[in-house]
Amino acid sequence: MPSPRPGFRRSRLPAAQNRRRTPAQVSALWHDGPPRLESCPALPHSPYQLRVSDAAGGIDAAAWDALLAAQSQPTPFMRHAYLSALHDSGSATPATGWTPLFFTLWQGAGLRAACVLYAKPHSYGEYVFDWAWANAYAQHGLDYYPKAVVAVPFTPVPGARLLARDADARRLLVQGLVAWCGEQGLSSLHLLFGAGEDIDACRAAGLMLRHTVQFHWTNAAYGGFDDFLASLSQDKRKKIRQERRKVAEAGVHFRWARGRDIASADWDFFYRCYERTYLEHGNAPYLSRDFFHRMQADMPEHWLLFVAERAGRPIASSLIAISQDTTWASGQFHAEKVAYGRYWGALERVDCLHFEACYYQPLAWCIAHGFDRFEGGAQGEHKMARALLPVATTSAHWLARPDFADAVERFLEREGEGVARYLEDLEARSPFRRR
């Protein structure tokens, strides 16, 4: 990324400290202390009022969820219970670098729009990487942190981020967020993995767009897993059968449970696997065991668990999120069933077990239960060999300093051209048979 023009004000802190600060250091960076919750930008010539709260408990859960259900791309990860669980379990809190702020837009007594924003001293758990931007700030002696992020912590799932009754309310919400970030002295605002309407509102407000690639599978009304395999090219079909055979020959069998049928012992075993995956890579898990206790209690209908067993003992598991939503778009209702690959882990090593637990078992289940789509998560070109096809996702970014914004805009133009070429290359390597 090119450096911005010289001549910037030097910050009071050494540049090396800019990369990751503690929550206490973040609070100190606001000139007048932490965010002033009673202070929100005025919306001139508008009948709307913007409010901000530092707790999900200050917002009616039913009103929030009703607003979410009215969006064209709702996901379970924006439900009030999910966000509350992230905060109340200690997973996404100021102590872990996620200070939540809930913005609501009101017209009289009516809630017209809402979103959750996080003030952050780092860029972990976002999956849209801006470390180079932070380093560029540091090289010029400037503070990139704290910054603001409109996202679901640790969850790179595209969907609604700005919950609004109409385009005008969404537009005013974006304008209010940008104005608030400016008043608070934040370096930047980032809306990650937004729905189309969110991106449109951000583009109209002057935010810069950034594109990344994920891999999603679509159910073409397959009659079964063999029918799905028959749609693939011979080499891909052969590879999948070989991988599944290796797992079966290792004596591994799978069982699944959904919703309230997932026993507490299975949730406990899953967490052992999930935690092991992180610890093996030298990191603590993002999500606490208490978070999953809350999912079991408050949102069980959104979870599907696969458990791999060998010789009567569980050895691995994968946890899939599921949703069944009816949304209004293009003048008609659409019913869609979607599964989201989320977490996995294993206590024993078995060749190709990851592919079986995270792709083949979920895909077979989706086919058997009439689910329309399986989203495999961020990154992972290897997913194409399992018939998950590339999908462009979009985020939006605002930087307070015009000089840095100019540099980032030039960088994004070049990066966007590269992403477009990458998508073209991937699409030319389809795993499906040529007809």
Protein backbone atom coordinates (compact mmCIF):
# COMPACT_ATOMS: atom_id res chain seq x y z
CA MET A 1 0.00 0.00 0.00
CA PRO A 2 1.46 3.40 -0.90
CA SER A 3 2.44 5.77 1.88
CA PRO A 4 0.31 8.86 2.33
CA ARG A 5 1.73 12.29 1.87
CA PRO A 6 4.24 13.44 4.52
CA GLY A 7 3.77 16.19 7.06
CA PHE A 8 1.50 14.51 9.62
CA ARG A 9 1.15 15.30 13.32
CA ARG A 10 3.18 12.93 15.46
CA SER A 11 1.31 11.00 18.14
CA ARG A 12 2.33 11.10 21.77
CA LEU A 13 2.84 7.31 21.95
CA PRO A 14 5.69 5.41 20.27
CA ALA A 15 4.72 3.91 16.94
CA ALA A 16 5.41 0.37 18.16
CA GLN A 17 2.55 0.67 20.65
CA ASN A 18 0.11 1.40 17.86
CA ARG A 19 -0.25 -2.22 16.81
CA ARG A 20 -2.13 -3.57 19.80
CA ARG A 21 -3.25 -1.69 22.88
CA THR A 22 -4.98 -2.73 26.05
CA PRO A 23 -8.56 -1.54 26.67
CA ALA A 24 -7.21 0.91 29.25
CA GLN A 25 -4.85 2.39 26.68
CA VAL A 26 -7.70 2.64 24.19
CA SER A 27 -9.83 4.58 26.66
CA ALA A 28 -6.88 6.93 27.27
CA LEU A 29 -6.69 7.76 23.59
CA TRP A 30 -10.05 9.54 23.68
CA HIS A 31 -9.21 13.11 24.58
CA ASP A 32 -12.12 13.45 27.01
CA GLY A 33 -12.23 9.85 28.26
CA PRO A 34 -14.22 6.89 26.88
CA PRO A 35 -17.12 7.40 24.46
CA ARG A 36 -19.80 9.76 25.70
CA LEU A 37 -22.91 7.62 25.45
CA GLU A 38 -25.30 10.48 26.03
CA SER A 39 -23.73 12.36 23.11
CA CYS A 40 -24.84 11.48 19.59
CA PRO A 41 -24.52 13.54 16.43
CA ALA A 42 -27.58 15.56 15.54
CA LEU A 43 -29.33 14.64 12.31
CA PRO A 44 -30.16 18.05 10.82
CA HIS A 45 -33.41 18.54 8.95
CA SER A 46 -34.53 15.07 10.02
CA PRO A 47 -37.35 13.77 12.24
CA TYR A 48 -35.01 11.02 13.49
CA GLN A 49 -32.98 10.80 16.70
CA LEU A 50 -29.82 8.69 17.04
CA ARG A 51 -29.13 7.07 20.41
CA VAL A 52 -26.29 4.89 21.69
CA SER A 53 -26.12 2.37 24.53
CA ASP A 54 -23.22 0.33 25.86
CA ALA A 55 -25.24 -2.82 26.58
CA ALA A 56 -27.53 -5.11 24.63
CA GLY A 57 -29.73 -5.23 27.72
CA GLY A 58 -30.68 -1.61 27.10
CA ILE A 59 -32.43 -2.59 23.85
CA ASP A 60 -35.62 -4.62 23.70
CA ALA A 61 -34.72 -8.06 22.35
CA ALA A 62 -38.03 -8.56 20.56
CA ALA A 63 -37.78 -5.19 18.80
CA TRP A 64 -34.19 -5.89 17.73
CA ASP A 65 -35.06 -9.36 16.39
CA ALA A 66 -38.14 -8.04 14.59
CA LEU A 67 -35.96 -5.47 12.86
CA LEU A 68 -33.48 -8.22 11.92
CA ALA A 69 -36.26 -10.41 10.51
CA ALA A 70 -37.30 -7.55 8.20
CA GLN A 71 -33.90 -7.54 6.44
CA SER A 72 -33.23 -9.27 3.14
CA GLN A 73 -30.26 -11.20 4.54
CA PRO A 74 -30.79 -11.99 8.23
CA THR A 75 -28.52 -14.47 9.98
CA PRO A 76 -28.69 -16.01 13.47
CA PHE A 77 -25.42 -14.25 14.31
CA MET A 78 -27.14 -10.86 14.50
CA ARG A 79 -29.87 -12.03 16.86
CA HIS A 80 -30.07 -10.24 20.19
CA ALA A 81 -29.42 -13.51 22.07
CA TYR A 82 -26.28 -14.25 20.03
CA LEU A 83 -24.76 -10.82 20.57
CA SER A 84 -25.71 -10.86 24.25
CA ALA A 85 -24.06 -14.27 24.64
CA LEU A 86 -20.84 -12.95 23.11
CA HIS A 87 -20.75 -10.13 25.63
CA ASP A 88 -22.15 -11.82 28.74
CA SER A 89 -19.89 -14.87 28.35
CA GLY A 90 -16.77 -12.71 28.35
CA SER A 91 -15.92 -13.62 24.74
CA ALA A 92 -16.34 -10.18 23.14
CA THR A 93 -15.85 -7.54 25.83
CA PRO A 94 -13.61 -4.55 26.50
CA ALA A 95 -11.21 -6.97 28.23
CA THR A 96 -10.77 -8.90 24.97
CA GLY A 97 -10.66 -5.76 22.85
CA TRP A 98 -14.32 -5.55 21.79
CA THR A 99 -16.14 -2.62 23.41
CA PRO A 100 -19.77 -2.90 22.23
CA LEU A 101 -21.95 0.10 21.48
CA PHE A 102 -25.53 -0.24 20.27
CA PHE A 103 -26.80 2.53 18.00
CA THR A 104 -30.52 2.98 17.44
CA LEU A 105 -32.37 5.39 15.16
CA TRP A 106 -35.77 6.55 16.36
CA GLN A 107 -38.68 8.42 14.85
CA GLY A 108 -40.73 9.39 17.85
CA ALA A 109 -41.38 6.15 19.74
CA GLY A 110 -40.69 4.00 16.69
CA LEU A 111 -37.42 2.11 16.19
CA ARG A 112 -36.36 2.65 12.58
CA ALA A 113 -32.80 1.30 12.47
CA ALA A 114 -30.14 -0.25 14.68
CA CYS A 115 -26.65 -1.73 14.63
CA VAL A 116 -23.87 -2.82 16.94
CA LEU A 117 -20.47 -1.11 16.70
CA TYR A 118 -17.28 -2.17 18.45
CA ALA A 119 -14.44 0.13 19.47
CA LYS A 120 -11.25 -1.91 19.15
CA PRO A 121 -7.55 -1.68 20.06
CA HIS A 122 -6.56 -4.42 17.57
CA SER A 123 -7.72 -6.16 14.39
CA TYR A 124 -8.05 -9.75 15.60
CA GLY A 125 -11.19 -11.79 14.97
CA GLU A 126 -12.34 -9.76 11.95
CA TYR A 127 -11.22 -11.74 8.84
CA VAL A 128 -10.85 -8.57 6.76
CA PHE A 129 -7.21 -7.76 7.23
CA ASP A 130 -6.08 -4.18 7.76
CA TRP A 131 -2.79 -4.77 9.56
CA ALA A 132 -0.92 -3.07 6.72
CA TRP A 133 -3.03 0.05 7.23
CA ALA A 134 -2.25 0.03 10.95
CA ASN A 135 1.45 -0.38 10.21
CA ALA A 136 1.35 2.54 7.76
CA TYR A 137 -0.14 4.73 10.49
CA ALA A 138 2.52 3.56 12.94
CA GLN A 139 5.33 4.31 10.49
CA HIS A 140 4.12 7.91 10.42
CA GLY A 141 3.79 8.10 14.19
CA LEU A 142 -0.01 8.08 14.09
CA ASP A 143 -2.67 6.16 16.00
CA TYR A 144 -4.73 3.68 14.00
CA TYR A 145 -6.31 2.33 17.18
CA PRO A 146 -8.87 2.74 18.54
CA LYS A 147 -10.99 2.11 15.46
CA ALA A 148 -14.68 1.27 15.02
CA VAL A 149 -16.00 -1.97 13.50
CA VAL A 150 -19.59 -2.81 12.57
CA ALA A 151 -19.42 -6.59 12.48
CA VAL A 152 -20.19 -9.79 14.34
CA PRO A 153 -17.13 -10.73 16.41
CA PHE A 154 -15.22 -13.78 15.15
CA THR A 155 -17.88 -14.44 12.50
CA PRO A 156 -17.07 -13.86 8.81
CA VAL A 157 -20.61 -14.61 7.65
CA PRO A 158 -22.13 -12.17 5.13
CA GLY A 159 -25.44 -10.69 6.18
CA ALA A 160 -27.34 -7.70 7.51
CA ARG A 161 -25.29 -5.35 9.67
CA LEU A 162 -27.41 -2.18 9.48
CA LEU A 163 -30.90 -3.21 10.55
CA ALA A 164 -33.28 -0.69 9.03
CA ARG A 165 -36.94 -0.33 8.10
CA ASP A 166 -36.12 1.45 4.83
CA ALA A 167 -33.29 2.89 2.77
CA ASP A 168 -33.62 6.38 4.27
CA ALA A 169 -33.23 5.06 7.81
CA ARG A 170 -30.23 2.97 6.78
CA ARG A 171 -28.63 5.97 5.07
CA LEU A 172 -29.10 8.17 8.15
CA LEU A 173 -27.71 5.45 10.39
CA VAL A 174 -24.50 5.29 8.33
CA GLN A 175 -24.19 9.07 8.38
CA GLY A 176 -24.68 9.08 12.13
CA LEU A 177 -22.01 6.40 12.64
CA VAL A 178 -19.45 8.32 10.58
CA ALA A 179 -20.22 11.56 12.41
CA TRP A 180 -19.99 9.85 15.80
CA CYS A 181 -16.64 8.26 14.95
CA GLY A 182 -15.34 11.67 13.91
CA GLU A 183 -16.53 13.31 17.11
CA GLN A 184 -14.93 10.57 19.22
CA GLY A 185 -11.58 10.86 17.46
CA LEU A 186 -11.56 7.33 16.08
CA SER A 187 -9.25 6.72 13.16
CA SER A 188 -11.70 4.77 11.05
CA LEU A 189 -14.99 2.91 10.64
CA HIS A 190 -15.23 -0.55 9.06
CA LEU A 191 -18.43 -2.40 8.15
CA LEU A 192 -17.52 -6.03 7.50
CA PHE A 193 -19.33 -8.64 5.38
CA GLY A 194 -22.39 -6.47 4.87
CA ALA A 195 -25.57 -7.27 2.98
CA GLY A 196 -26.19 -5.58 -0.35
CA GLU A 197 -28.38 -2.87 1.15
CA ASP A 198 -25.70 -2.08 3.75
CA ILE A 199 -23.04 -1.75 1.08
CA ASP A 200 -25.28 0.48 -1.03
CA ALA A 201 -25.84 2.81 1.93
CA CYS A 202 -22.12 2.90 2.71
CA ARG A 203 -21.21 3.61 -0.91
CA ALA A 204 -23.72 6.49 -0.99
CA ALA A 205 -22.14 7.87 2.20
CA GLY A 206 -18.71 7.91 0.57
CA LEU A 207 -17.19 4.84 2.24
CA MET A 208 -14.61 2.85 0.28
CA LEU A 209 -15.45 -0.73 -0.70
CA ARG A 210 -13.23 -3.76 -0.33
CA HIS A 211 -13.87 -7.20 -1.80
CA THR A 212 -12.80 -10.61 -0.53
CA VAL A 213 -13.62 -14.17 -1.57
CA GLN A 214 -15.46 -16.94 0.26
CA PHE A 215 -16.62 -20.37 -0.86
CA HIS A 216 -20.27 -21.46 -0.72
CA TRP A 217 -22.08 -24.62 -1.84
CA THR A 218 -25.52 -24.51 -3.47
CA ASN A 219 -27.99 -27.38 -3.45
CA ALA A 220 -29.10 -28.03 -7.04
CA ALA A 221 -32.04 -30.14 -5.86
CA TYR A 222 -29.81 -33.20 -5.53
CA GLY A 223 -31.55 -36.50 -4.92
CA GLY A 224 -28.76 -37.67 -2.63
CA PHE A 225 -25.00 -37.46 -2.09
CA ASP A 226 -24.33 -39.78 -5.01
CA ASP A 227 -26.43 -37.53 -7.23
CA PHE A 228 -24.29 -34.61 -6.09
CA LEU A 229 -21.10 -36.54 -6.85
CA ALA A 230 -22.39 -37.37 -10.31
CA SER A 231 -22.50 -33.63 -11.08
CA LEU A 232 -18.74 -33.27 -10.49
CA SER A 233 -15.88 -33.83 -12.87
CA GLN A 234 -14.36 -37.28 -12.76
CA ASP A 235 -11.18 -36.26 -10.91
CA LYS A 236 -13.09 -34.37 -8.21
CA ARG A 237 -15.59 -37.20 -7.81
CA LYS A 238 -12.75 -39.72 -7.48
CA LYS A 239 -10.89 -37.58 -4.94
CA ILE A 240 -13.93 -37.18 -2.68
CA ARG A 241 -14.64 -40.92 -2.74
CA GLN A 242 -11.02 -41.66 -1.88
CA GLU A 243 -11.08 -39.24 1.04
CA ARG A 244 -14.31 -40.63 2.42
CA ARG A 245 -13.01 -44.18 2.04
CA LYS A 246 -9.91 -43.36 4.11
CA VAL A 247 -12.05 -42.16 7.00
CA ALA A 248 -14.36 -45.17 6.81
CA GLU A 249 -11.46 -47.61 6.63
CA ALA A 250 -9.98 -46.00 9.73
CA GLY A 251 -13.08 -47.21 11.56
CA VAL A 252 -14.64 -43.78 11.99
CA HIS A 253 -18.41 -43.38 12.05
CA PHE A 254 -20.52 -40.24 12.45
CA ARG A 255 -23.69 -39.34 14.28
CA TRP A 256 -25.48 -36.01 14.36
CA ALA A 257 -27.83 -34.18 16.67
CA ARG A 258 -29.82 -31.01 16.17
CA GLY A 259 -31.22 -28.35 18.48
CA ARG A 260 -32.35 -29.55 21.89
CA ASP A 261 -31.35 -33.09 20.96
CA ILE A 262 -27.71 -32.09 21.40
CA ALA A 263 -26.91 -33.44 24.86
CA SER A 264 -24.92 -31.44 27.39
CA ALA A 265 -22.21 -34.10 27.25
CA ASP A 266 -21.93 -33.58 23.49
CA TRP A 267 -21.61 -29.81 23.96
CA ASP A 268 -18.84 -30.49 26.50
CA PHE A 269 -17.06 -32.84 24.11
CA PHE A 270 -17.38 -30.37 21.26
CA TYR A 271 -15.74 -27.66 23.35
CA ARG A 272 -12.81 -29.93 24.17
CA CYS A 273 -12.29 -30.37 20.42
CA TYR A 274 -12.78 -26.70 19.64
CA GLU A 275 -10.38 -25.60 22.37
CA ARG A 276 -7.78 -28.18 21.28
CA THR A 277 -7.75 -26.75 17.74
CA TYR A 278 -6.81 -23.30 19.03
CA LEU A 279 -4.32 -24.50 21.62
CA GLU A 280 -2.49 -26.60 19.03
CA HIS A 281 -1.88 -23.38 17.11
CA GLY A 282 -0.65 -21.58 20.22
CA ASN A 283 -3.77 -19.48 20.76
CA ALA A 284 -6.56 -19.35 23.30
CA PRO A 285 -10.02 -19.91 21.79
CA TYR A 286 -12.02 -16.80 20.94
CA LEU A 287 -15.23 -18.21 22.43
CA SER A 288 -15.60 -19.34 26.04
CA ARG A 289 -17.39 -22.46 27.22
CA ASP A 290 -20.02 -20.20 28.76
CA PHE A 291 -20.84 -18.82 25.31
CA PHE A 292 -21.84 -22.29 24.14
CA HIS A 293 -23.81 -22.88 27.36
CA ARG A 294 -25.83 -19.82 26.35
CA MET A 295 -26.27 -21.11 22.79
CA GLN A 296 -27.59 -24.41 24.17
CA ALA A 297 -30.03 -22.57 26.44
CA ASP A 298 -31.13 -19.63 24.27
CA MET A 299 -30.61 -20.56 20.60
CA PRO A 300 -30.55 -24.37 20.36
CA GLU A 301 -32.63 -24.42 17.17
CA HIS A 302 -29.75 -22.83 15.28
CA TRP A 303 -27.16 -25.56 15.89
CA LEU A 304 -26.31 -28.91 14.32
CA LEU A 305 -23.52 -31.09 15.76
CA PHE A 306 -21.61 -33.90 14.07
CA VAL A 307 -19.62 -36.28 16.27
CA ALA A 308 -17.02 -38.68 14.87
CA GLU A 309 -16.61 -41.92 16.80
CA ARG A 310 -14.11 -44.77 16.62
CA ALA A 311 -14.28 -47.96 18.65
CA GLY A 312 -17.23 -46.51 20.53
CA ARG A 313 -15.38 -43.34 21.60
CA PRO A 314 -15.89 -39.80 20.29
CA ILE A 315 -12.73 -38.46 18.63
CA ALA A 316 -13.81 -35.32 16.72
CA SER A 317 -16.73 -32.98 16.15
CA SER A 318 -17.93 -30.15 13.94
CA LEU A 319 -20.57 -27.58 14.86
CA ILE A 320 -22.74 -26.13 12.11
CA ALA A 321 -25.08 -23.15 12.45
CA ILE A 322 -28.40 -23.38 10.62
CA SER A 323 -31.17 -20.94 9.80
CA GLN A 324 -34.55 -21.09 8.10
CA ASP A 325 -35.75 -17.62 7.19
CA THR A 326 -38.52 -16.17 5.11
CA THR A 327 -37.53 -12.80 3.75
CA TRP A 328 -39.14 -10.17 1.52
CA ALA A 329 -37.16 -9.17 -1.56
CA SER A 330 -37.94 -8.11 -5.12
CA GLY A 331 -41.62 -7.87 -4.32
CA GLN A 332 -42.08 -11.40 -3.02
CA PHE A 333 -41.36 -13.69 -0.08
CA HIS A 334 -38.41 -16.06 -0.22
CA ALA A 335 -37.94 -19.07 2.06
CA GLU A 336 -34.33 -20.14 2.43
CA LYS A 337 -32.56 -22.75 4.51
CA VAL A 338 -28.87 -22.06 5.07
CA ALA A 339 -26.13 -23.93 6.95
CA TYR A 340 -22.91 -22.26 8.05
CA GLY A 341 -19.67 -24.14 8.70
CA ARG A 342 -18.37 -22.72 11.97
CA TYR A 343 -16.19 -24.77 14.33
CA TRP A 344 -14.42 -28.09 14.47
CA GLY A 345 -11.75 -29.98 16.36
CA ALA A 346 -10.30 -33.46 16.85
CA LEU A 347 -8.66 -35.33 19.71
CA GLU A 348 -7.13 -37.93 17.39
CA ARG A 349 -5.53 -37.57 13.97
CA VAL A 350 -7.16 -39.42 11.09
CA ASP A 351 -6.29 -38.75 7.46
CA CYS A 352 -9.04 -36.69 5.73
CA LEU A 353 -11.14 -36.51 8.91
CA HIS A 354 -11.36 -32.72 8.63
CA PHE A 355 -12.88 -32.93 5.14
CA GLU A 356 -15.42 -35.53 6.25
CA ALA A 357 -16.46 -33.67 9.40
CA CYS A 358 -16.54 -30.17 7.95
CA TYR A 359 -17.73 -30.73 4.37
CA TYR A 360 -19.01 -34.16 3.38
CA GLN A 361 -21.15 -34.87 6.44
CA PRO A 362 -22.72 -31.37 6.42
CA LEU A 363 -23.32 -31.47 2.64
CA ALA A 364 -24.96 -34.89 2.85
CA TRP A 365 -27.14 -33.59 5.70
CA CYS A 366 -28.09 -30.46 3.73
CA ILE A 367 -29.12 -32.59 0.75
CA ALA A 368 -31.18 -34.95 2.92
CA HIS A 369 -32.93 -32.08 4.73
CA GLY A 370 -33.54 -29.75 1.79
CA PHE A 371 -31.14 -26.98 2.77
CA ASP A 372 -30.39 -24.55 -0.01
CA ARG A 373 -26.88 -23.40 0.79
CA PHE A 374 -23.82 -24.25 2.84
CA GLU A 375 -21.40 -21.42 3.54
CA GLY A 376 -17.90 -22.67 4.18
CA GLY A 377 -16.52 -19.53 5.81
CA ALA A 378 -13.57 -17.29 5.06
CA GLN A 379 -10.73 -18.23 2.73
CA GLY A 380 -9.76 -21.75 1.70
CA GLU A 381 -9.31 -22.34 -2.01
CA HIS A 382 -9.19 -26.08 -1.21
CA LYS A 383 -12.95 -25.88 -0.68
CA MET A 384 -13.47 -25.67 -4.44
CA ALA A 385 -12.45 -29.31 -4.78
CA ARG A 386 -15.44 -30.07 -2.51
CA ALA A 387 -17.79 -28.09 -4.84
CA LEU A 388 -17.90 -24.91 -2.76
CA LEU A 389 -17.75 -22.16 -5.36
CA PRO A 390 -16.19 -18.68 -5.02
CA VAL A 391 -18.43 -15.84 -3.90
CA ALA A 392 -17.40 -12.20 -3.58
CA THR A 393 -18.07 -10.55 -0.23
CA THR A 394 -17.85 -6.82 0.42
CA SER A 395 -16.88 -4.56 3.29
CA ALA A 396 -16.95 -0.78 3.57
CA HIS A 397 -14.35 1.53 5.11
CA TRP A 398 -14.08 5.16 6.21
CA LEU A 399 -10.81 6.75 7.34
CA ALA A 400 -10.88 10.06 9.18
CA ARG A 401 -7.67 11.40 7.65
CA PRO A 402 -8.18 12.36 3.99
CA ASP A 403 -4.51 11.79 3.14
CA PHE A 404 -4.59 8.21 4.39
CA ALA A 405 -8.00 7.68 2.82
CA ASP A 406 -6.53 8.69 -0.55
CA ALA A 407 -3.70 6.17 -0.15
CA VAL A 408 -6.06 3.39 0.90
CA GLU A 409 -8.44 4.16 -1.96
CA ARG A 410 -5.62 3.73 -4.48
CA PHE A 411 -4.60 0.49 -2.79
CA LEU A 412 -8.18 -0.83 -2.87
CA GLU A 413 -8.48 -0.08 -6.57
CA ARG A 414 -5.45 -2.25 -7.31
CA GLU A 415 -6.49 -4.92 -4.84
CA GLY A 416 -10.00 -5.00 -6.32
CA GLU A 417 -8.58 -5.60 -9.78
CA GLY A 418 -6.58 -8.49 -8.38
CA VAL A 419 -9.62 -9.98 -6.67
CA ALA A 420 -11.60 -9.75 -9.93
CA ARG A 421 -8.84 -11.60 -11.79
CA TYR A 422 -8.67 -14.19 -9.01
CA LEU A 423 -12.43 -14.81 -9.27
CA GLU A 424 -12.19 -15.21 -13.03
CA ASP A 425 -9.40 -17.73 -12.58
CA LEU A 426 -11.37 -19.68 -9.97
CA GLU A 427 -14.52 -19.71 -12.09
CA ALA A 428 -12.51 -21.18 -14.97
CA ARG A 429 -11.58 -24.11 -12.69
CA SER A 430 -15.10 -25.29 -11.87
CA PRO A 431 -15.26 -28.69 -10.15
CA PHE A 432 -18.44 -29.55 -12.05
CA ARG A 433 -18.70 -31.56 -15.23
CA ARG A 434 -18.76 -29.60 -18.44
CA ARG A 435 -22.07 -30.02 -20.20
